[in-house]
Protein backbone atom coordinates (compact mmCIF):
# COMPACT_ATOMS: atom_id res chain seq x y z
CA MET A 1 0.00 0.00 0.00
CA MET A 2 1.52 3.29 -1.13
CA ASN A 3 0.27 6.85 -0.77
CA PHE A 4 0.44 10.02 -2.82
CA THR A 5 -1.05 13.48 -2.58
CA ASP A 6 -2.74 15.17 -5.51
CA ALA A 7 -2.41 18.85 -6.45
CA THR A 8 -5.42 19.78 -4.30
CA GLY A 9 -3.81 18.25 -1.21
CA ASP A 10 -6.08 15.19 -1.12
CA GLY A 11 -4.39 11.93 -0.22
CA TRP A 12 -4.77 8.71 -2.17
CA THR A 13 -3.88 5.15 -1.26
CA LEU A 14 -2.57 3.11 -4.15
CA THR A 15 -2.68 -0.63 -3.63
CA ILE A 16 -1.76 -3.13 -6.32
CA THR A 17 -3.93 -6.20 -5.93
CA VAL A 18 -5.16 -8.83 -8.34
CA GLY A 19 -8.52 -7.03 -8.26
CA ALA A 20 -6.92 -3.70 -9.22
CA ALA A 21 -4.92 -5.41 -11.97
CA LYS A 22 -8.11 -7.06 -13.26
CA ARG A 23 -9.91 -3.67 -13.36
CA VAL A 24 -6.98 -2.18 -15.31
CA ARG A 25 -6.94 -5.12 -17.72
CA ASP A 26 -10.71 -5.09 -18.26
CA LEU A 27 -11.06 -1.32 -18.68
CA LEU A 28 -7.76 -0.36 -20.34
CA LYS A 29 -6.56 -3.62 -21.90
CA VAL A 30 -3.29 -3.23 -19.97
CA ASP A 31 -1.96 -6.21 -18.00
CA LEU A 32 -0.13 -4.89 -14.95
CA LEU A 33 0.85 -8.44 -14.05
CA GLN A 34 2.99 -8.62 -17.22
CA PRO A 35 5.14 -5.48 -16.76
CA LEU A 36 7.81 -6.65 -19.22
CA ALA A 37 5.38 -7.54 -22.02
CA GLY A 38 5.01 -5.49 -25.18
CA GLU A 39 7.27 -3.36 -27.29
CA PRO A 40 8.27 -1.16 -25.64
CA PRO A 41 7.66 -3.02 -22.37
CA LEU A 42 4.72 -1.86 -20.26
CA LEU A 43 7.08 -0.48 -17.60
CA THR A 44 8.66 1.79 -20.21
CA ARG A 45 5.31 2.84 -21.66
CA LEU A 46 4.08 3.82 -18.20
CA SER A 47 7.17 6.00 -17.73
CA THR A 48 6.84 7.72 -21.10
CA ASP A 49 3.09 7.82 -21.82
CA LEU A 50 1.81 10.03 -19.03
CA ILE A 51 -1.82 9.81 -20.15
CA LEU A 52 -1.67 6.01 -20.01
CA LEU A 53 -0.08 6.28 -16.56
CA CYS A 54 -2.84 8.64 -15.41
CA ASP A 55 -5.53 6.28 -16.73
CA VAL A 56 -3.92 3.33 -14.94
CA LEU A 57 -3.70 5.32 -11.71
CA TYR A 58 -7.34 6.33 -11.99
CA VAL A 59 -8.53 2.75 -12.50
CA ILE A 60 -6.45 1.52 -9.55
CA CYS A 61 -7.84 4.34 -7.40
CA GLN A 62 -11.34 4.16 -8.89
CA PRO A 63 -13.09 3.03 -5.66
CA GLN A 64 -11.68 6.12 -3.90
CA ALA A 65 -12.51 8.34 -6.88
CA ASP A 66 -16.07 7.01 -6.87
CA GLU A 67 -16.38 7.84 -3.16
CA ARG A 68 -15.31 11.41 -4.02
CA SER A 69 -17.56 11.51 -7.11
CA LEU A 70 -14.60 12.20 -9.38
CA THR A 71 -14.55 11.31 -13.06
CA ASP A 72 -11.36 10.22 -14.76
CA VAL A 73 -10.94 13.74 -16.16
CA GLN A 74 -11.43 15.35 -12.75
CA PHE A 75 -8.90 12.91 -11.29
CA ALA A 76 -6.43 13.78 -14.06
CA GLU A 77 -6.90 17.50 -13.39
CA ARG A 78 -5.52 16.87 -9.91
CA LEU A 79 -2.30 15.32 -11.23
CA GLY A 80 0.03 18.17 -12.06
CA GLY A 81 3.73 17.46 -12.51
CA GLU A 82 4.71 16.98 -8.88
CA ALA A 83 1.58 15.00 -7.99
CA LEU A 84 1.97 12.77 -11.05
CA GLU A 85 5.62 12.09 -10.20
CA GLN A 86 4.64 11.20 -6.63
CA ALA A 87 1.81 8.96 -7.90
CA HIS A 88 4.17 7.26 -10.38
CA GLU A 89 6.65 6.50 -7.61
CA ALA A 90 3.81 5.18 -5.43
CA PHE A 91 2.66 3.01 -8.34
CA LEU A 92 6.15 1.57 -8.91
CA GLY A 93 6.54 1.02 -5.17
CA GLY A 94 3.21 -0.76 -5.11
CA LEU A 95 4.26 -3.00 -8.00
CA VAL A 96 7.53 -3.80 -6.23
CA ASP A 97 5.64 -4.71 -3.03
CA PHE A 98 3.15 -6.84 -4.97
CA PHE A 99 5.79 -8.81 -6.84
CA ARG A 100 8.06 -9.09 -3.80
CA GLN A 101 5.22 -10.72 -1.86
CA LEU A 102 4.82 -13.18 -4.75
CA ARG A 103 8.58 -13.83 -4.54
CA ARG A 104 8.98 -12.66 -8.14
CA THR A 105 12.41 -11.18 -7.59
CA ASP A 106 12.97 -11.08 -11.35
CA LEU A 107 10.15 -8.56 -11.77
CA VAL A 108 11.23 -6.60 -8.69
CA ALA A 109 14.71 -6.30 -10.22
CA ALA A 110 13.21 -5.22 -13.57
CA ILE A 111 11.14 -2.48 -11.93
CA GLU A 112 14.14 -1.21 -9.97
CA ARG A 113 16.23 -1.27 -13.16
CA GLN A 114 13.54 0.73 -14.98
CA ARG A 115 13.64 3.36 -12.24
CA GLU A 116 17.42 3.61 -12.63
CA VAL A 117 17.25 3.85 -16.43
CA VAL A 118 14.71 6.68 -16.21
CA ARG A 119 16.84 8.54 -13.65
CA ARG A 120 19.92 8.20 -15.87
CA ALA A 121 18.01 9.28 -18.99
CA VAL A 122 16.72 12.39 -17.23
CA GLY A 123 20.23 13.21 -16.01
CA LEU A 124 21.72 12.81 -19.48
CA THR A 125 18.98 14.93 -21.01
CA GLU A 126 19.59 17.67 -18.44
CA GLN A 127 23.32 17.62 -19.26
CA THR A 128 22.60 17.78 -22.99
CA VAL A 129 20.19 20.69 -22.68
CA ALA A 130 22.61 22.60 -20.45
CA GLY A 131 25.50 22.11 -22.87
CA ALA A 132 26.85 24.65 -25.35
CA GLU A 133 26.39 22.24 -28.26
CA PHE A 134 22.64 22.12 -27.67
CA SER A 135 22.47 25.93 -27.63
CA ALA A 136 24.40 26.04 -30.90
CA ILE A 137 21.96 23.59 -32.50
CA ILE A 138 19.01 25.72 -31.41
CA GLU A 139 20.69 28.85 -32.72
CA ARG A 140 21.36 27.21 -36.10
CA GLU A 141 17.75 26.09 -36.37
CA LEU A 142 16.49 29.56 -35.47
CA GLN A 143 18.60 31.05 -38.23
CA LYS A 144 16.75 28.88 -40.75
CA ILE A 145 13.43 30.55 -39.93
CA PRO A 146 12.69 33.37 -42.40
CA GLY A 147 12.52 36.72 -40.64
CA SER A 148 13.86 35.37 -37.35
CA LEU A 149 15.61 37.80 -35.06
CA SER A 150 18.76 35.71 -34.99
CA GLY A 151 18.88 34.81 -38.66
CA ASP A 152 18.49 36.30 -42.10
CA SER A 153 16.08 39.04 -41.16
CA PRO A 154 15.80 41.95 -43.52
CA ASP A 155 18.11 44.88 -42.94
CA SER A 156 16.52 47.32 -40.52
CA SER A 157 16.49 50.10 -43.12
CA ALA A 158 14.67 47.83 -45.57
CA SER A 159 11.92 47.17 -43.11
CA THR A 160 11.42 50.83 -42.13
CA LEU A 161 8.46 52.53 -43.73
CA ALA A 162 9.24 55.63 -45.74
CA PRO A 163 7.72 58.83 -44.34
CA SER A 164 4.56 59.89 -46.03
CA PRO A 165 4.82 63.03 -48.17
CA SER A 166 3.63 66.06 -46.31
CA ALA A 167 1.31 68.57 -47.83
CA SER A 168 2.95 71.99 -48.21
């Protein structure tokens, strides 16, 4: 059982059970009990497809959402960046707990490895974006845009309107 807080400050309990996995499978056609299945694997899809992740979270938390009379869209509105990250971590923690209790150490290791891969990918992306080479690429692309401020914009005198003739 894992917890997360949504953007409104409401707390949610996320528990991965066979019943929750069955709801997700029946409603979304996603089999949480096969996290390595598919191409890319479900674990990867849930880390990169945030709408799919939100839908999975909603279905897992649906009994609580029903108690609060929240639709899937209203639930999603409560999952801003920080709340969604917290919910994702709770979800992965819940999966780890579920598979650990089943003694499926292979799947526990895969989930932990996925977490590490995502952390490394984010770190590498941050380094790339902060680098001078990335800035140079952006600058080159901006110069290709006609009329851009950094590129081949017309000479300032060419773009200045001539004064209108005055009546004398």
